[in-house]
Protein backbone atom coordinates (compact mmCIF):
# COMPACT_ATOMS: atom_id res chain seq x y z
CA MET A 1 0.00 0.00 0.00
CA ALA A 2 1.40 3.39 -1.01
CA THR A 3 1.94 5.98 1.70
CA ALA A 4 2.02 9.72 1.10
CA LEU A 5 4.45 11.77 3.13
CA ASP A 6 3.10 14.92 4.72
CA PRO A 7 5.40 17.78 3.56
CA LYS A 8 5.13 19.35 7.02
CA ALA A 9 6.90 16.33 8.44
CA LEU A 10 9.87 17.19 6.22
CA GLY A 11 9.91 20.85 7.21
CA GLN A 12 9.34 22.28 3.73
CA TYR A 13 5.71 23.29 4.00
CA PRO A 14 4.49 26.04 1.68
CA HIS A 15 4.65 29.69 2.68
CA TYR A 16 2.30 32.21 1.16
CA ARG A 17 2.69 35.99 1.11
CA VAL A 18 0.34 38.62 -0.25
CA ILE A 19 1.63 42.18 -0.59
CA PHE A 20 -0.77 45.00 -1.45
CA VAL A 21 0.29 48.06 -3.44
CA ASP A 22 -2.05 51.01 -3.94
CA SER A 23 -1.68 53.63 -6.67
CA ASP A 24 -1.25 56.28 -3.93
CA GLU A 25 2.21 54.78 -3.28
CA LEU A 26 3.36 55.63 -6.83
CA ILE A 27 4.53 59.20 -6.40
CA ASP A 28 7.98 59.37 -8.06
CA ALA A 29 8.55 62.29 -10.43
CA SER A 30 9.60 59.72 -13.01
CA THR A 31 7.98 57.26 -15.38
CA THR A 32 9.33 54.37 -13.28
CA GLN A 33 9.22 53.53 -9.58
CA THR A 34 10.38 50.47 -7.65
CA ILE A 35 8.43 49.36 -4.58
CA ASP A 36 10.06 47.00 -2.05
CA LEU A 37 7.64 44.11 -1.44
CA CYS A 38 9.36 41.76 1.05
CA THR A 39 12.53 39.77 1.66
CA LEU A 40 12.25 35.99 1.53
CA LYS A 41 14.10 33.76 3.98
CA ALA A 42 17.43 32.19 3.03
CA GLY A 43 16.89 28.96 1.12
CA ALA A 44 13.52 30.03 -0.26
CA VAL A 45 12.38 28.52 -3.54
CA VAL A 46 9.55 30.43 -5.18
CA GLU A 47 6.94 28.10 -6.63
CA SER A 48 4.65 30.75 -8.06
CA CYS A 49 4.17 34.50 -8.19
CA TRP A 50 1.37 36.45 -9.77
CA VAL A 51 -0.19 39.90 -9.75
CA GLU A 52 -3.90 40.27 -9.01
CA VAL A 53 -5.67 43.48 -9.98
CA ARG A 54 -7.78 44.58 -7.00
CA THR A 55 -8.82 47.92 -8.53
CA PRO A 56 -8.04 48.71 -12.19
CA PHE A 57 -5.51 51.50 -12.71
CA THR A 58 -6.91 54.66 -14.28
CA ASP A 59 -5.89 58.24 -14.98
CA ALA A 60 -7.97 61.02 -16.50
CA GLY A 61 -4.74 62.94 -17.17
CA SER A 62 -1.71 62.12 -19.32
CA ILE A 63 -0.82 58.62 -18.07
CA SER A 64 -2.13 56.29 -20.77
CA ALA A 65 -0.70 53.00 -19.47
CA CYS A 66 0.99 51.56 -16.41
CA THR A 67 2.73 48.20 -16.19
CA VAL A 68 4.17 46.24 -13.28
CA GLN A 69 6.96 43.65 -13.19
CA VAL A 70 7.92 41.57 -10.16
CA GLY A 71 11.47 40.45 -9.54
CA SER A 72 14.66 41.56 -7.82
CA THR A 73 17.15 44.39 -8.19
CA GLY A 74 19.28 42.38 -10.61
CA ASP A 75 16.36 40.93 -12.57
CA PRO A 76 13.23 43.13 -12.30
CA ASN A 77 10.99 40.66 -14.15
CA SER A 78 12.30 37.34 -12.81
CA PHE A 79 8.84 36.40 -11.45
CA ALA A 80 6.32 38.41 -13.47
CA THR A 81 6.96 40.12 -16.79
CA ALA A 82 5.46 43.52 -17.61
CA TYR A 83 1.72 43.32 -16.96
CA ASP A 84 -0.52 46.18 -18.11
CA LEU A 85 -2.69 47.47 -15.25
CA PHE A 86 -4.83 49.75 -17.47
CA GLY A 87 -7.78 48.18 -19.25
CA THR A 88 -7.98 45.33 -16.77
CA THR A 89 -10.86 44.37 -14.54
CA ALA A 90 -10.84 43.53 -10.85
CA GLY A 91 -9.75 39.95 -10.38
CA ASP A 92 -7.54 39.80 -13.50
CA ARG A 93 -4.23 38.03 -12.84
CA SER A 94 -0.86 37.97 -14.55
CA GLU A 95 0.83 34.76 -15.66
CA ALA A 96 3.40 33.41 -13.21
CA LYS A 97 6.95 32.55 -14.22
CA GLY A 98 8.91 29.44 -13.28
CA VAL A 99 10.61 28.27 -10.11
CA TRP A 100 13.44 30.38 -8.75
CA GLU A 101 15.76 29.83 -5.78
CA ALA A 102 16.42 32.75 -3.46
CA GLY A 103 19.58 31.38 -1.84
CA SER A 104 20.67 33.85 0.84
CA GLY A 105 17.36 35.71 0.95
CA LEU A 106 15.79 37.55 -1.92
CA ALA A 107 14.38 41.07 -1.77
CA LEU A 108 11.27 41.05 -3.96
CA LYS A 109 10.52 44.27 -5.79
CA ALA A 110 7.75 45.58 -8.04
CA LEU A 111 8.80 47.86 -10.89
CA PHE A 112 6.01 50.16 -12.14
CA THR A 113 6.36 51.93 -15.50
CA ALA A 114 4.02 54.69 -16.72
CA THR A 115 3.46 55.78 -20.32
CA GLY A 116 2.62 59.38 -21.19
CA ALA A 117 3.62 61.12 -17.96
CA ASN A 118 5.43 60.67 -14.65
CA LEU A 119 3.82 58.51 -12.00
CA GLY A 120 3.67 61.49 -9.65
CA ASP A 121 5.31 64.73 -8.64
CA GLY A 122 7.39 63.41 -5.74
CA ALA A 123 4.62 63.98 -3.18
CA ASP A 124 1.37 62.87 -4.85
CA THR A 125 0.43 60.28 -7.44
CA GLY A 126 -0.65 61.19 -10.96
CA LEU A 127 -2.98 58.18 -11.06
CA ASP A 128 -6.68 58.40 -10.22
CA ALA A 129 -7.13 54.83 -8.98
CA GLY A 130 -5.52 51.42 -8.82
CA ALA A 131 -4.55 48.64 -6.43
CA ILE A 132 -2.85 45.29 -6.86
CA ALA A 133 -1.98 42.29 -4.72
CA VAL A 134 1.26 40.42 -5.39
CA HIS A 135 0.93 36.75 -4.43
CA VAL A 136 4.06 34.69 -3.71
CA LYS A 137 4.05 30.99 -2.84
CA TYR A 138 7.40 29.50 -1.78
CA ARG A 139 9.07 26.84 0.33
CA VAL A 140 12.16 27.21 2.51
CA TYR A 141 14.74 24.44 2.32
CA PRO A 142 17.58 24.05 4.82
CA ALA A 143 21.14 24.63 3.67
CA VAL A 144 22.88 21.49 2.50
């Protein structure tokens, strides 16, 4: 008779993080802005990462598009490639990329890019609305 092992018994149970980013946080007087999401534990292996649109991004002014990528400083789209947040509906989700090992602890970042105008003026956002949730599922393996 086959026996299934409970992953918790091995110590590599899944971890799940959700990080919320609101358009009010995008205030840089630039067309790009990086938001620090979280730092994963050493030995983390990301199983999946996706962006969920909670509120579609809009702007009645000059910003005609806004994309988000999720990755690290060295590879800004290692988990999610540029995903357009304009023209989406609540509940839309980006496609996740493959498995990635964090090693000594990975600082996850979201890179936002606006088209048509700066994201903000340094104090206030140029966007009228928008909110996303970045979902990350990972496991932490002990050092070998």
